[in-house]
Structures are given as C-alpha cells and as structure tokens.
Amino acid sequence: MKQVILALTITLGLLLSASAQQTLKDSSAHAASLTQVVMLGTGTPNADPDRSGPAVAIIVNGHSYLVDCGPGIIRRAAAATRNGVPGLEMKDLRVVFITHLHSDHTLGLPDLIFTPWVLGRTDHLAAYGPSGLQDMTKNILAAWKKDIEVRTEGLEHANRTGYLVDVHEIKPGEVYKDENVTVTAIAVKHGSWDESYGYRFQTPDHVIVISGDTSPADSIVQACNGCDLLLHEVYTQEPQHPMSADWQTYFAAFHTSTTELAGIATRAKPKLLVLYHQMFHGVSEGQMLQEVREHYAGAVVSAHDLDVY
C-alpha cells in the first residue's frame, strides 16, 4: 500500500512539475511577445522643454519601430534606455515610419540618421513615409556631406553603411511586415497636405493605432475598431484665449478638437485612449482631459514624454 501511495505521489509530482513547466513556458512566451509603447515626444512646434517633438516607439520582442522623429528623439531614446526600456539603444534605431513632412515631425530625422551611426550603428536606416521623403533624405545627406567625409576618411574611421537610408515612399495599406509586427498605413486628412498618414501596428499581443496629425477621420475609427491603444492628437475646444477666425479655420482643417476626439473614440472603442501632440492653448492638462471625458465614457490618459504603455 505504501508503495502504491509513493508511486501516486511521484506521478502527481511529475504531472504538477510538467504543468508548472508549461505555465513557465506560457509566461515566457507572453513575456517574449510583450509589446510596449514608449512616448519619446508628445509635444508640438512650441518650444516646451518638458515635451520633445512628436515621436513614438513601438517595442516588440526587443525590436523598436519608431513613428515620427520630432526634435529630441535621440536624447529621449537614450533616456528610455537608461530607464530600462529595451530596443532603443543607438544600434537598434533602424526603422522609422513618418506620418507627414511637417517640420515638427521630421526635424529629428538628421539626428536619427547620423547620431546612431556616429555611435556605432552599421545597419542602414529604413524610413517609410509619404512622397517627398526621398528628396528630404537626399538633401539631408547632401547637407552633411563634409561630416560624412571627415568621419569616414579621417581618424574616426567610421563605418560607411550606418548613415545610409533606405527610403520607402508609401501608399495606404500594408507597408511593412516582419516576425514581430504588421504595419498598415492609414490615409488621414491634415489640411492642405496632399499625403498624411496614421499607422496601425499589429503585434503578437496588441493592436496600436497612431493618428499622426489629422482632422477627424473615419479611417482611424475603422483601423482601431476596439484596438488596445489609440494614440490621437488633440487640441482644446475651449481655450482661455480665444483664437482668431483665421486660426479657428486652420485648426478645424488640420487637427481634432477634444469634442471631436470624444466622438471618434466612442465609435472606435479603444481599450485605452492616449492623448499626444496636445495643443493646450493655455488650458491645463486636467481641463483638456475633462473636455474629452465630458463626451467620452472610456479610459483616457494624457501622455508625457517617456511614458510607457
């Protein structure tokens, strides 16, 4: 009888051990596919020292995928690395998706091209974005021609590949896919820009939609459709200092108000709405959130630089 009990105990222990091992494997697999969204910049053209220019990093399995490169992107990536975020070391900054060619979204492109190269990146930078990105990149490389010559031919002995850029001028639809992510470009309306895009990221465990700069767009609602995170630009509906008629016309054509965003989010049903590229117009962050919450019942937060979701 004791032998039978002992055998059952050993068998049960083995079963529990196998179950525990499978649980560990499942947990490891989940951890391996964990997606992080890192706010590298949440600002606007305003020279706010607390908010760098618009830039977001999607981190999947330790690989980073950047959206936009506003001023300060490289320093913010270094700060996120110091904070323990994986995938944002200089050598890992290899893929960027540009929403549109406004200066506040692209002034960090020379920094993204050259600084990681100077610090040891050997891979080409892959850049995806609207028509005109090829000319912009070509002119950036021409502007820094002397720098490239001195670094590659002089005593620094820099590599000859890490500053090169593979530019992909895109159209709406799937624009990128690898083992970590599928990226879809979403056509949006940004005033008089002929091309402006948002992006949808499908990872193993998350769907993230980033609006870029846009007036209210049904395409964002359709792309989200219950997504995990919707990152959307916004401007306050009730500024303390009323805008002139010209500026009211501009913002209505180029951007999305708090009330309009509440309507978009109500239809899109994200698990979390994240405000970024916030145009406060003199009101507090809390007031802007309240403006959204007055018309939207879902979860919403206002992003700050280096926030991680």
Protein backbone atom coordinates (compact mmCIF):
# COMPACT_ATOMS: atom_id res chain seq x y z
CA MET A 1 0.00 0.00 0.00
CA LYS A 2 2.83 2.37 0.89
CA GLN A 3 4.44 1.59 -2.49
CA VAL A 4 1.17 2.47 -4.31
CA ILE A 5 0.86 5.76 -2.41
CA LEU A 6 4.51 6.54 -3.13
CA ALA A 7 4.01 5.82 -6.85
CA LEU A 8 0.91 8.03 -6.96
CA THR A 9 2.80 10.79 -5.16
CA ILE A 10 5.69 10.63 -7.62
CA THR A 11 3.28 10.58 -10.60
CA LEU A 12 1.31 13.50 -9.25
CA GLY A 13 4.53 15.39 -8.62
CA LEU A 14 5.67 14.77 -12.19
CA LEU A 15 2.30 15.95 -13.52
CA LEU A 16 2.46 19.07 -11.40
CA SER A 17 6.03 19.64 -12.49
CA ALA A 18 5.03 19.31 -16.15
CA SER A 19 2.12 21.68 -15.58
CA ALA A 20 4.38 24.17 -13.83
CA GLN A 21 6.90 23.91 -16.65
CA GLN A 22 4.17 24.58 -19.21
CA THR A 23 2.98 27.55 -17.19
CA LEU A 24 6.50 28.90 -17.14
CA LYS A 25 6.77 28.36 -20.88
CA ASP A 26 3.47 30.14 -21.45
CA SER A 27 4.58 33.01 -19.22
CA SER A 28 7.90 33.22 -21.00
CA ALA A 29 6.18 33.23 -24.38
CA HIS A 30 3.89 36.02 -23.20
CA ALA A 31 6.82 37.98 -21.85
CA ALA A 32 8.72 37.44 -25.09
CA SER A 33 5.84 38.86 -27.12
CA LEU A 34 5.17 41.74 -24.74
CA THR A 35 4.54 44.97 -26.61
CA GLN A 36 5.48 48.32 -25.15
CA VAL A 37 4.56 51.76 -26.47
CA VAL A 38 7.07 54.43 -25.45
CA MET A 39 6.34 58.13 -25.79
CA LEU A 40 9.60 59.67 -26.97
CA GLY A 41 7.95 63.02 -27.63
CA THR A 42 4.45 64.35 -27.02
CA GLY A 43 4.91 67.98 -27.98
CA THR A 44 4.07 70.42 -30.76
CA PRO A 45 6.11 73.12 -32.51
CA ASN A 46 6.04 75.02 -29.20
CA ALA A 47 9.49 75.02 -27.59
CA ASP A 48 8.37 73.24 -24.43
CA PRO A 49 11.42 71.80 -22.62
CA ASP A 50 9.22 69.15 -20.99
CA ARG A 51 7.78 67.86 -24.27
CA SER A 52 10.03 66.88 -27.15
CA GLY A 53 8.73 66.84 -30.70
CA PRO A 54 6.31 64.08 -31.72
CA ALA A 55 7.88 60.63 -31.67
CA VAL A 56 6.63 57.21 -30.55
CA ALA A 57 8.41 53.87 -30.26
CA ILE A 58 6.66 50.51 -30.53
CA ILE A 59 8.83 47.85 -28.88
CA VAL A 60 8.15 44.20 -29.71
CA ASN A 61 10.45 41.36 -28.63
CA GLY A 62 13.22 43.90 -28.02
CA HIS A 63 12.89 45.42 -31.51
CA SER A 64 11.94 49.07 -31.92
CA TYR A 65 9.74 50.65 -34.57
CA LEU A 66 9.62 54.44 -34.50
CA VAL A 67 6.80 56.71 -35.60
CA ASP A 68 7.92 60.24 -36.49
CA CYS A 69 11.13 61.89 -35.40
CA GLY A 70 10.50 65.26 -33.84
CA PRO A 71 13.26 67.30 -32.18
CA GLY A 72 14.83 65.48 -29.24
CA ILE A 73 14.10 61.91 -30.38
CA ILE A 74 17.63 60.60 -29.86
CA ARG A 75 18.05 62.05 -26.37
CA ARG A 76 14.65 60.71 -25.38
CA ALA A 77 15.57 57.25 -26.75
CA ALA A 78 18.75 57.37 -24.64
CA ALA A 79 16.71 58.37 -21.58
CA ALA A 80 14.27 55.49 -22.15
CA THR A 81 17.23 53.10 -22.44
CA ARG A 82 18.59 54.43 -19.15
CA ASN A 83 15.15 53.76 -17.65
CA GLY A 84 15.39 50.09 -18.67
CA VAL A 85 13.31 50.08 -21.84
CA PRO A 86 14.75 47.52 -24.30
CA GLY A 87 15.27 48.05 -28.01
CA LEU A 88 16.17 51.74 -28.00
CA GLU A 89 19.94 51.59 -27.87
CA MET A 90 21.56 53.51 -30.72
CA LYS A 91 22.35 50.42 -32.77
CA ASP A 92 18.71 49.34 -32.55
CA LEU A 93 17.22 52.51 -34.09
CA ARG A 94 16.78 51.12 -37.57
CA VAL A 95 13.15 51.56 -38.66
CA VAL A 96 11.02 54.71 -38.73
CA PHE A 97 7.56 55.49 -40.10
CA ILE A 98 6.88 59.15 -40.93
CA THR A 99 3.29 60.40 -40.76
CA HIS A 100 3.85 63.54 -42.85
CA LEU A 101 6.59 66.00 -43.64
CA HIS A 102 5.74 68.89 -41.31
CA SER A 103 8.96 70.15 -39.72
CA ASP A 104 7.96 69.36 -36.13
CA HIS A 105 7.61 65.67 -37.12
CA THR A 106 10.85 65.47 -39.13
CA LEU A 107 13.43 67.84 -37.60
CA GLY A 108 14.87 64.86 -35.73
CA LEU A 109 15.48 62.91 -38.95
CA PRO A 110 19.08 64.14 -39.39
CA ASP A 111 19.69 63.21 -35.74
CA LEU A 112 18.20 59.76 -36.33
CA ILE A 113 20.35 59.28 -39.43
CA PHE A 114 23.68 60.46 -38.07
CA THR A 115 23.90 60.14 -34.28
CA PRO A 116 23.28 56.36 -34.05
CA TRP A 117 25.78 55.93 -36.89
CA VAL A 118 28.41 58.02 -35.07
CA LEU A 119 27.75 55.85 -32.01
CA GLY A 120 28.26 52.59 -33.89
CA ARG A 121 25.16 51.64 -35.89
CA THR A 122 26.20 49.76 -39.03
CA ASP A 123 22.76 48.91 -40.46
CA HIS A 124 21.00 51.21 -42.89
CA LEU A 125 18.07 53.18 -41.52
CA ALA A 126 14.80 52.08 -43.14
CA ALA A 127 12.40 55.03 -43.49
CA TYR A 128 8.77 54.74 -44.59
CA GLY A 129 6.61 57.75 -45.36
CA PRO A 130 4.83 59.93 -47.88
CA SER A 131 6.01 61.23 -51.23
CA GLY A 132 8.80 63.74 -50.74
CA LEU A 133 10.61 61.70 -48.10
CA GLN A 134 13.19 60.59 -50.69
CA ASP A 135 14.03 64.19 -51.63
CA MET A 136 14.15 65.23 -47.97
CA THR A 137 16.57 62.40 -47.14
CA LYS A 138 18.74 63.05 -50.19
CA ASN A 139 19.08 66.71 -49.23
CA ILE A 140 19.89 65.86 -45.60
CA LEU A 141 22.72 63.59 -46.72
CA ALA A 142 23.97 66.30 -49.09
CA ALA A 143 23.89 68.90 -46.31
CA TRP A 144 26.10 66.73 -44.11
CA LYS A 145 28.40 65.61 -46.95
CA LYS A 146 31.51 67.11 -45.35
CA ASP A 147 30.72 65.49 -41.99
CA ILE A 148 30.44 62.09 -43.69
CA GLU A 149 33.77 62.61 -45.48
CA VAL A 150 35.62 63.62 -42.32
CA ARG A 151 34.18 60.77 -40.24
CA THR A 152 34.77 58.03 -42.81
CA GLU A 153 38.11 59.18 -44.25
CA GLY A 154 39.68 60.72 -41.17
CA LEU A 155 40.92 59.46 -37.84
CA GLU A 156 37.44 58.46 -36.61
CA HIS A 157 37.36 55.52 -39.07
CA ALA A 158 33.54 55.48 -39.04
CA ASN A 159 31.80 52.71 -40.94
CA ARG A 160 30.41 53.51 -44.39
CA THR A 161 26.96 51.94 -44.00
CA GLY A 162 25.30 53.20 -40.83
CA TYR A 163 24.37 56.64 -42.20
CA LEU A 164 22.69 55.27 -45.34
CA VAL A 165 18.90 55.37 -45.59
CA ASP A 166 16.61 53.01 -47.47
CA VAL A 167 13.58 55.20 -48.23
CA HIS A 168 10.18 53.68 -49.00
CA GLU A 169 7.57 56.15 -50.21
CA ILE A 170 4.26 54.52 -49.34
CA LYS A 171 0.56 54.47 -50.13
CA PRO A 172 -2.34 53.40 -47.86
CA GLY A 173 -2.34 49.71 -46.96
CA GLU A 174 0.17 47.24 -45.55
CA VAL A 175 3.62 48.79 -45.78
CA TYR A 176 5.78 46.61 -43.54
CA LYS A 177 5.79 43.13 -42.05
CA ASP A 178 8.27 41.03 -40.13
CA GLU A 179 8.16 38.38 -37.41
CA ASN A 180 7.15 40.97 -34.80
CA VAL A 181 4.72 43.36 -36.43
CA THR A 182 2.49 44.16 -39.38
CA VAL A 183 2.24 47.87 -40.12
CA THR A 184 -0.61 49.39 -42.11
CA ALA A 185 -0.59 52.99 -43.32
CA ILE A 186 -3.90 54.82 -42.84
CA ALA A 187 -4.76 57.82 -45.02
CA VAL A 188 -5.84 60.78 -42.85
CA LYS A 189 -6.81 64.39 -43.51
CA HIS A 190 -4.32 67.03 -42.42
CA GLY A 191 -5.39 70.28 -44.00
CA SER A 192 -3.62 71.12 -47.24
CA TRP A 193 -1.08 68.28 -47.06
CA ASP A 194 -1.55 66.04 -50.09
CA GLU A 195 -0.37 62.99 -48.11
CA SER A 196 -0.61 62.35 -44.39
CA TYR A 197 -0.79 59.00 -42.64
CA GLY A 198 -1.66 57.34 -39.38
CA TYR A 199 -0.35 53.83 -38.66
CA ARG A 200 -1.84 50.61 -37.32
CA PHE A 201 0.57 48.18 -35.63
CA GLN A 202 -0.50 44.56 -35.22
CA THR A 203 1.85 42.75 -32.82
CA PRO A 204 1.50 39.25 -31.32
CA ASP A 205 -0.42 40.66 -28.35
CA HIS A 206 -1.60 44.17 -29.19
CA VAL A 207 -3.16 46.41 -31.80
CA ILE A 208 -1.97 50.00 -31.63
CA VAL A 209 -3.26 52.83 -33.80
CA ILE A 210 -1.42 56.16 -34.05
CA SER A 211 -3.31 59.01 -35.67
CA GLY A 212 -0.49 61.31 -36.67
CA ASP A 213 -1.73 64.83 -37.34
CA THR A 214 -5.30 64.75 -38.62
CA SER A 215 -8.70 66.34 -38.59
CA PRO A 216 -11.48 63.86 -37.68
CA ALA A 217 -11.03 60.78 -39.87
CA ASP A 218 -13.30 57.74 -40.26
CA SER A 219 -10.22 55.79 -41.35
CA ILE A 220 -8.88 55.99 -37.78
CA VAL A 221 -12.15 54.65 -36.37
CA GLN A 222 -12.08 51.73 -38.80
CA ALA A 223 -8.41 50.96 -38.16
CA CYS A 224 -8.90 50.90 -34.39
CA ASN A 225 -12.22 49.02 -34.09
CA GLY A 226 -11.64 48.01 -30.48
CA CYS A 227 -7.84 48.29 -30.60
CA ASP A 228 -5.77 48.11 -27.43
CA LEU A 229 -4.32 51.62 -27.69
CA LEU A 230 -5.40 54.60 -29.76
CA LEU A 231 -2.84 57.42 -29.69
CA HIS A 232 -4.52 60.52 -31.05
CA GLU A 233 -3.57 64.17 -31.43
CA VAL A 234 -5.93 66.78 -29.95
CA TYR A 235 -6.47 70.48 -29.36
CA THR A 236 -8.55 72.07 -26.64
CA GLN A 237 -12.08 73.06 -27.56
CA GLU A 238 -12.37 75.97 -25.14
CA PRO A 239 -9.14 77.99 -24.99
CA GLN A 240 -8.79 80.62 -22.32
CA HIS A 241 -7.51 82.97 -25.00
CA PRO A 242 -9.94 82.64 -27.96
CA MET A 243 -8.31 82.03 -31.32
CA SER A 244 -8.68 84.44 -34.20
CA ALA A 245 -11.01 83.45 -37.03
CA ASP A 246 -8.01 82.50 -39.19
CA TRP A 247 -6.61 80.18 -36.53
CA GLN A 248 -10.04 78.65 -35.92
CA THR A 249 -10.22 77.85 -39.65
CA TYR A 250 -6.73 76.39 -39.54
CA PHE A 251 -7.31 74.11 -36.55
CA ALA A 252 -10.65 72.88 -37.89
CA ALA A 253 -8.96 71.79 -41.13
CA PHE A 254 -5.70 70.41 -39.73
CA HIS A 255 -6.46 68.98 -36.28
CA THR A 256 -9.01 67.28 -33.99
CA SER A 257 -10.74 69.03 -31.10
CA THR A 258 -11.45 67.42 -27.74
CA THR A 259 -15.14 67.11 -28.57
CA GLU A 260 -14.42 65.62 -31.99
CA LEU A 261 -11.94 63.16 -30.48
CA ALA A 262 -14.52 62.06 -27.92
CA GLY A 263 -16.84 61.18 -30.80
CA ILE A 264 -14.08 59.30 -32.64
CA ALA A 265 -13.13 57.31 -29.54
CA THR A 266 -16.78 56.47 -28.79
CA ARG A 267 -17.05 54.89 -32.22
CA ALA A 268 -13.55 53.34 -32.29
CA LYS A 269 -13.84 51.80 -28.78
CA PRO A 270 -10.13 51.55 -27.87
CA LYS A 271 -9.28 49.87 -24.59
CA LEU A 272 -7.23 52.98 -23.81
CA LEU A 273 -7.26 56.39 -25.49
CA VAL A 274 -3.92 58.20 -25.19
CA LEU A 275 -3.74 61.93 -25.93
CA TYR A 276 -0.48 63.04 -27.51
CA HIS A 277 0.68 66.01 -29.60
CA GLN A 278 -1.64 68.00 -27.31
CA MET A 279 -2.33 71.62 -28.22
CA PHE A 280 -3.39 73.08 -24.87
CA HIS A 281 -3.89 76.72 -25.94
CA GLY A 282 -3.40 77.91 -22.39
CA VAL A 283 -5.65 75.45 -20.55
CA SER A 284 -4.41 72.89 -18.06
CA GLU A 285 -3.83 69.24 -18.87
CA GLY A 286 -6.62 68.35 -16.45
CA GLN A 287 -9.05 70.63 -18.21
CA MET A 288 -8.22 69.10 -21.58
CA LEU A 289 -8.87 65.63 -20.17
CA GLN A 290 -12.13 66.84 -18.67
CA GLU A 291 -13.22 68.19 -22.06
CA VAL A 292 -12.76 64.71 -23.54
CA ARG A 293 -14.38 62.92 -20.61
CA GLU A 294 -17.50 65.08 -20.80
CA HIS A 295 -18.35 63.30 -24.05
CA TYR A 296 -16.42 60.01 -23.78
CA ALA A 297 -17.00 57.31 -21.17
CA GLY A 298 -13.94 55.16 -21.90
CA ALA A 299 -10.48 55.14 -20.35
CA VAL A 300 -8.35 58.11 -21.41
CA VAL A 301 -4.97 59.47 -20.33
CA SER A 302 -2.76 62.37 -21.34
CA ALA A 303 0.72 61.23 -22.37
CA HIS A 304 4.02 62.69 -21.19
CA ASP A 305 7.48 62.16 -22.61
CA LEU A 306 8.93 58.77 -21.58
CA ASP A 307 5.56 57.32 -20.53
CA VAL A 308 5.33 53.61 -21.31
CA TYR A 309 2.08 51.77 -22.09
